[in-house]
Amino acid sequence: MNKYRIYIDEVGNNDLNSSVNPNHRYLSLTGLIFELNYVKEIVNPSLENLKQKYFPYHPDEPVILHRKELVNKKFPFGALKDPKIEDEFNSQLLKLLTDLKYVVVSVLVDKMEHKTKYQTWKYDPYHYCMEIIIERFFFFLESVDSVGDVMIESRGGKEDIRLKKSYSRIYQTGTQFIETERLKKRLTSCELKVKPKMLNIACLQLTDLVAHPSRRFMFRKYGINVGIEFAFGDKIIDVIEKKYYRGKNGIEGYGIKLLP
């Protein structure tokens, strides 16, 4: 039986009080689902080859792809200040995102509506999104009759502890739609894997690059004002739109979901 892992990253924050600010009203979590042998044999070497080609580095000090630094062309991505090199790198990155085999799941929560709707039930928006995304991962695992676990980017200190406790609660008690024993048959670990990007985990880096475009795709899909569009981000959207988890009626409720 193949084993899968969902790698999760977020855009936004979980502070309900910040929801009055239009720039902080929405929180999204995006997960990329990969088969683990495929990660070892194809994904990791492919990404390392791409990074070495454009940003040569010593193995002791690996280059970690991070969207904000790439966009701003900050060290160690100064080579992208050359338009020709930037075009070549972008083209190769898009090709990699297109060619790799993975499934995308994204959840978007309107924190303002969440705060209004659940005035007594103050479920942390981040943990709410995580529960829903784990459900989608479970449904995927059932669809391919496989098992898997969950890895998320570290948020540091107390936040990581809270996330681990939240995952443990989901694992031990199940969710509204998935009974405990049924969930445990598909999830192979009772603990959430929380890792910093500095460990050079290929799929966490790819999730970081996809998370922001995926949120913009959901904005567009749900008729939310997305503001300024970015050409390269839109090209990533064109790629991942074909990668979303699909049910009989498409990606709504499967690959993407709007909360509450």
Protein backbone atom coordinates (compact mmCIF):
# COMPACT_ATOMS: atom_id res chain seq x y z
CA MET A 1 0.00 0.00 0.00
CA ASN A 2 1.38 3.40 -0.99
CA LYS A 3 1.83 6.02 1.70
CA TYR A 4 1.03 9.68 1.11
CA ARG A 5 1.80 12.86 2.97
CA ILE A 6 0.00 16.19 2.86
CA TYR A 7 2.28 19.21 3.25
CA ILE A 8 0.46 22.28 4.56
CA ASP A 9 1.18 26.01 4.55
CA GLU A 10 -0.95 29.06 5.33
CA VAL A 11 -1.57 32.56 3.98
CA GLY A 12 -2.90 35.04 6.53
CA ASN A 13 -3.24 34.84 10.30
CA ASN A 14 -5.65 33.37 12.84
CA ASP A 15 -6.33 36.61 14.77
CA LEU A 16 -10.10 37.15 14.72
CA ASN A 17 -9.71 40.78 15.83
CA SER A 18 -7.75 41.56 12.66
CA SER A 19 -10.68 40.51 10.46
CA VAL A 20 -11.95 44.12 10.31
CA ASN A 21 -8.92 44.91 8.16
CA PRO A 22 -9.71 43.88 4.55
CA ASN A 23 -6.08 42.81 4.09
CA HIS A 24 -6.32 40.40 7.02
CA ARG A 25 -9.93 39.24 6.75
CA TYR A 26 -9.17 35.87 5.16
CA LEU A 27 -7.02 32.95 6.23
CA SER A 28 -6.26 30.07 3.91
CA LEU A 29 -4.52 26.74 4.30
CA THR A 30 -3.22 24.87 1.28
CA GLY A 31 -2.01 21.29 1.22
CA LEU A 32 -0.08 19.42 -1.44
CA ILE A 33 -0.48 15.64 -1.37
CA PHE A 34 2.47 13.55 -2.56
CA GLU A 35 3.23 9.85 -2.54
CA LEU A 36 6.33 9.42 -0.34
CA ASN A 37 8.43 7.16 -2.56
CA TYR A 38 7.76 9.61 -5.40
CA VAL A 39 9.02 12.45 -3.18
CA LYS A 40 12.27 10.59 -2.56
CA GLU A 41 12.87 9.44 -6.12
CA ILE A 42 11.52 12.34 -8.19
CA VAL A 43 10.39 15.46 -6.31
CA ASN A 44 13.39 16.12 -4.10
CA PRO A 45 16.10 15.57 -6.75
CA SER A 46 14.13 17.55 -9.34
CA LEU A 47 13.79 20.57 -7.06
CA GLU A 48 17.42 20.40 -5.95
CA ASN A 49 18.57 20.30 -9.58
CA LEU A 50 16.49 23.39 -10.34
CA LYS A 51 17.90 25.30 -7.36
CA GLN A 52 21.50 24.29 -8.10
CA LYS A 53 21.15 25.44 -11.70
CA TYR A 54 20.08 28.99 -10.82
CA PHE A 55 21.28 29.47 -7.23
CA PRO A 56 24.38 27.27 -6.76
CA TYR A 57 25.00 26.33 -3.15
CA HIS A 58 27.01 24.01 -0.90
CA PRO A 59 25.02 21.06 0.55
CA ASP A 60 25.91 22.26 4.05
CA GLU A 61 24.07 25.52 3.36
CA PRO A 62 21.16 24.66 1.06
CA VAL A 63 19.05 27.29 -0.65
CA ILE A 64 15.46 27.27 0.61
CA LEU A 65 12.84 28.50 -1.85
CA HIS A 66 10.52 31.03 -0.25
CA ARG A 67 7.96 33.00 -2.20
CA LYS A 68 8.56 36.43 -0.63
CA GLU A 69 12.32 36.31 -1.09
CA LEU A 70 11.91 35.10 -4.67
CA VAL A 71 9.44 37.87 -5.52
CA ASN A 72 11.71 40.52 -3.99
CA LYS A 73 14.84 38.92 -5.49
CA LYS A 74 16.56 38.99 -2.12
CA PHE A 75 19.67 36.98 -1.26
CA PRO A 76 20.28 34.25 -2.32
CA PHE A 77 18.02 34.95 -5.31
CA GLY A 78 19.87 38.00 -6.66
CA ALA A 79 20.38 36.27 -10.01
CA LEU A 80 16.69 36.90 -10.72
CA LYS A 81 17.42 40.61 -11.09
CA ASP A 82 18.55 39.67 -14.59
CA PRO A 83 15.27 39.55 -16.60
CA LYS A 84 16.54 36.79 -18.84
CA ILE A 85 17.50 34.54 -15.92
CA GLU A 86 14.22 35.34 -14.17
CA ASP A 87 12.22 34.32 -17.25
CA GLU A 88 14.20 31.09 -17.57
CA PHE A 89 13.80 30.21 -13.90
CA ASN A 90 10.08 30.99 -13.92
CA SER A 91 9.61 28.85 -17.00
CA GLN A 92 11.47 25.91 -15.45
CA LEU A 93 9.57 26.25 -12.16
CA LEU A 94 6.23 26.24 -13.99
CA LYS A 95 7.32 23.17 -15.93
CA LEU A 96 8.25 21.42 -12.70
CA LEU A 97 4.92 22.31 -11.07
CA THR A 98 3.15 21.06 -14.20
CA ASP A 99 5.06 17.80 -14.56
CA LEU A 100 5.09 16.67 -10.93
CA LYS A 101 2.33 14.36 -9.71
CA TYR A 102 0.47 15.79 -6.71
CA VAL A 103 -3.00 16.80 -5.55
CA VAL A 104 -3.94 20.22 -4.17
CA VAL A 105 -6.44 20.91 -1.39
CA SER A 106 -7.18 24.45 -0.14
CA VAL A 107 -9.48 25.86 2.53
CA LEU A 108 -10.41 29.55 2.92
CA VAL A 109 -12.09 31.04 5.99
CA ASP A 110 -13.75 34.45 6.20
CA LYS A 111 -12.71 35.40 9.74
CA MET A 112 -15.20 38.26 9.98
CA GLU A 113 -18.13 35.99 9.13
CA HIS A 114 -16.69 33.27 11.36
CA LYS A 115 -16.51 35.68 14.29
CA THR A 116 -20.08 36.88 13.70
CA LYS A 117 -21.60 33.43 13.16
CA TYR A 118 -19.92 31.75 16.11
CA GLN A 119 -19.97 34.37 18.85
CA THR A 120 -19.89 31.77 21.62
CA TRP A 121 -17.96 29.03 19.80
CA LYS A 122 -14.51 30.60 19.44
CA TYR A 123 -12.82 27.86 17.44
CA ASP A 124 -9.40 29.04 16.32
CA PRO A 125 -9.73 29.74 12.54
CA TYR A 126 -6.39 28.10 11.84
CA HIS A 127 -7.38 24.91 13.64
CA TYR A 128 -10.81 25.01 11.98
CA CYS A 129 -9.15 25.12 8.56
CA MET A 130 -6.76 22.35 9.55
CA GLU A 131 -9.63 20.06 10.57
CA ILE A 132 -11.37 20.62 7.24
CA ILE A 133 -8.19 20.08 5.22
CA ILE A 134 -7.45 16.86 7.11
CA GLU A 135 -10.97 15.68 6.23
CA ARG A 136 -10.25 16.30 2.54
CA PHE A 137 -6.96 14.42 2.88
CA PHE A 138 -8.82 11.52 4.48
CA PHE A 139 -11.35 11.42 1.64
CA PHE A 140 -8.47 11.38 -0.85
CA LEU A 141 -6.80 8.49 1.00
CA GLU A 142 -10.06 6.55 0.94
CA SER A 143 -10.44 7.19 -2.78
CA VAL A 144 -7.03 5.63 -3.51
CA ASP A 145 -7.27 3.03 -0.70
CA SER A 146 -4.06 4.23 0.94
CA VAL A 147 -2.70 5.67 4.17
CA GLY A 148 -0.82 8.84 5.02
CA ASP A 149 0.31 11.45 7.50
CA VAL A 150 0.39 15.23 7.86
CA MET A 151 3.30 17.68 7.81
CA ILE A 152 2.94 21.39 8.40
CA GLU A 153 5.34 24.30 8.39
CA SER A 154 6.46 25.33 11.86
CA ARG A 155 4.97 28.55 13.21
CA GLY A 156 7.20 28.45 16.29
CA GLY A 157 6.94 27.86 20.02
CA LYS A 158 3.46 27.94 21.54
CA GLU A 159 1.74 27.89 18.13
CA ASP A 160 3.39 24.58 17.26
CA ILE A 161 2.32 23.09 20.59
CA ARG A 162 -1.27 24.24 20.03
CA LEU A 163 -1.31 22.81 16.49
CA LYS A 164 -0.03 19.44 17.73
CA LYS A 165 -2.71 19.36 20.43
CA SER A 166 -5.37 20.28 17.88
CA TYR A 167 -4.24 17.51 15.52
CA SER A 168 -4.12 15.03 18.41
CA ARG A 169 -7.72 15.93 19.33
CA ILE A 170 -8.85 15.34 15.73
CA TYR A 171 -6.99 12.02 15.64
CA GLN A 172 -8.43 10.82 18.96
CA THR A 173 -12.03 12.03 18.58
CA GLY A 174 -12.58 12.23 14.82
CA THR A 175 -14.51 15.03 13.13
CA GLN A 176 -18.14 15.89 12.52
CA PHE A 177 -18.15 13.71 9.41
CA ILE A 178 -15.47 11.08 10.13
CA GLU A 179 -15.61 8.62 13.03
CA THR A 180 -12.45 8.08 15.09
CA GLU A 181 -11.77 4.47 14.08
CA ARG A 182 -12.37 5.23 10.43
CA LEU A 183 -9.92 8.13 10.60
CA LYS A 184 -7.24 6.09 12.37
CA LYS A 185 -7.34 3.46 9.61
CA ARG A 186 -6.07 6.06 7.14
CA LEU A 187 -3.79 8.30 9.24
CA THR A 188 -0.61 6.46 10.18
CA SER A 189 0.58 8.84 12.89
CA CYS A 190 -1.11 10.15 16.02
CA GLU A 191 1.27 13.12 15.93
CA LEU A 192 1.42 16.08 13.58
CA LYS A 193 4.79 16.50 11.90
CA VAL A 194 5.86 20.13 12.38
CA LYS A 195 9.00 21.11 10.47
CA PRO A 196 10.74 24.42 9.71
CA LYS A 197 11.54 25.21 6.07
CA MET A 198 15.22 25.51 6.97
CA LEU A 199 15.36 21.70 6.95
CA ASN A 200 15.16 21.94 3.16
CA ILE A 201 12.01 19.84 2.79
CA ALA A 202 11.20 20.00 -0.90
CA CYS A 203 7.42 19.64 -0.65
CA LEU A 204 7.07 22.31 2.04
CA GLN A 205 8.89 24.69 -0.31
CA LEU A 206 6.60 23.80 -3.19
CA THR A 207 3.57 24.29 -0.94
CA ASP A 208 4.86 27.74 0.01
CA LEU A 209 5.06 28.67 -3.68
CA VAL A 210 1.55 27.38 -4.40
CA ALA A 211 -0.31 28.61 -1.28
CA HIS A 212 -0.65 32.28 -2.28
CA PRO A 213 -1.81 31.63 -5.87
CA SER A 214 -4.26 29.03 -4.55
CA ARG A 215 -5.78 31.59 -2.20
CA ARG A 216 -6.16 34.04 -5.10
CA PHE A 217 -7.81 31.31 -7.14
CA MET A 218 -10.36 30.82 -4.35
CA PHE A 219 -10.94 34.58 -4.13
CA ARG A 220 -11.74 34.55 -7.81
CA LYS A 221 -13.88 31.43 -7.58
CA TYR A 222 -15.98 32.78 -4.71
CA GLY A 223 -16.36 36.31 -6.12
CA ILE A 224 -14.15 38.00 -3.54
CA ASN A 225 -12.31 41.16 -4.57
CA VAL A 226 -8.77 39.95 -5.18
CA GLY A 227 -7.11 43.33 -5.76
CA ILE A 228 -3.99 43.51 -7.91
CA GLU A 229 -3.19 40.47 -10.01
CA PHE A 230 0.33 39.22 -10.58
CA ALA A 231 1.21 37.68 -13.91
CA PHE A 232 3.43 34.86 -12.61
CA GLY A 233 1.01 33.96 -9.82
CA ASP A 234 -1.73 33.66 -12.42
CA LYS A 235 0.45 31.23 -14.38
CA ILE A 236 0.77 29.09 -11.25
CA ILE A 237 -3.02 29.23 -10.90
CA ASP A 238 -3.35 27.91 -14.46
CA VAL A 239 -1.17 24.94 -13.44
CA ILE A 240 -2.72 24.06 -10.08
CA GLU A 241 -6.31 24.43 -11.32
CA LYS A 242 -5.75 21.06 -12.96
CA LYS A 243 -4.24 19.58 -9.79
CA TYR A 244 -7.08 20.18 -7.32
CA TYR A 245 -8.73 17.17 -5.73
CA ARG A 246 -11.96 16.47 -7.60
CA GLY A 247 -15.25 14.81 -6.80
CA LYS A 248 -18.09 13.86 -9.10
CA ASN A 249 -19.19 17.48 -9.39
CA GLY A 250 -15.76 19.08 -9.66
CA ILE A 251 -13.40 20.69 -7.16
CA GLU A 252 -15.93 22.56 -4.95
CA GLY A 253 -16.12 20.90 -1.54
CA TYR A 254 -13.24 18.60 -2.46
CA GLY A 255 -10.22 20.54 -3.70
CA ILE A 256 -11.44 23.91 -2.40
CA LYS A 257 -13.83 24.93 0.36
CA LEU A 258 -15.00 28.28 1.77
CA LEU A 259 -15.72 28.55 5.50
CA PRO A 260 -17.70 29.05 7.65
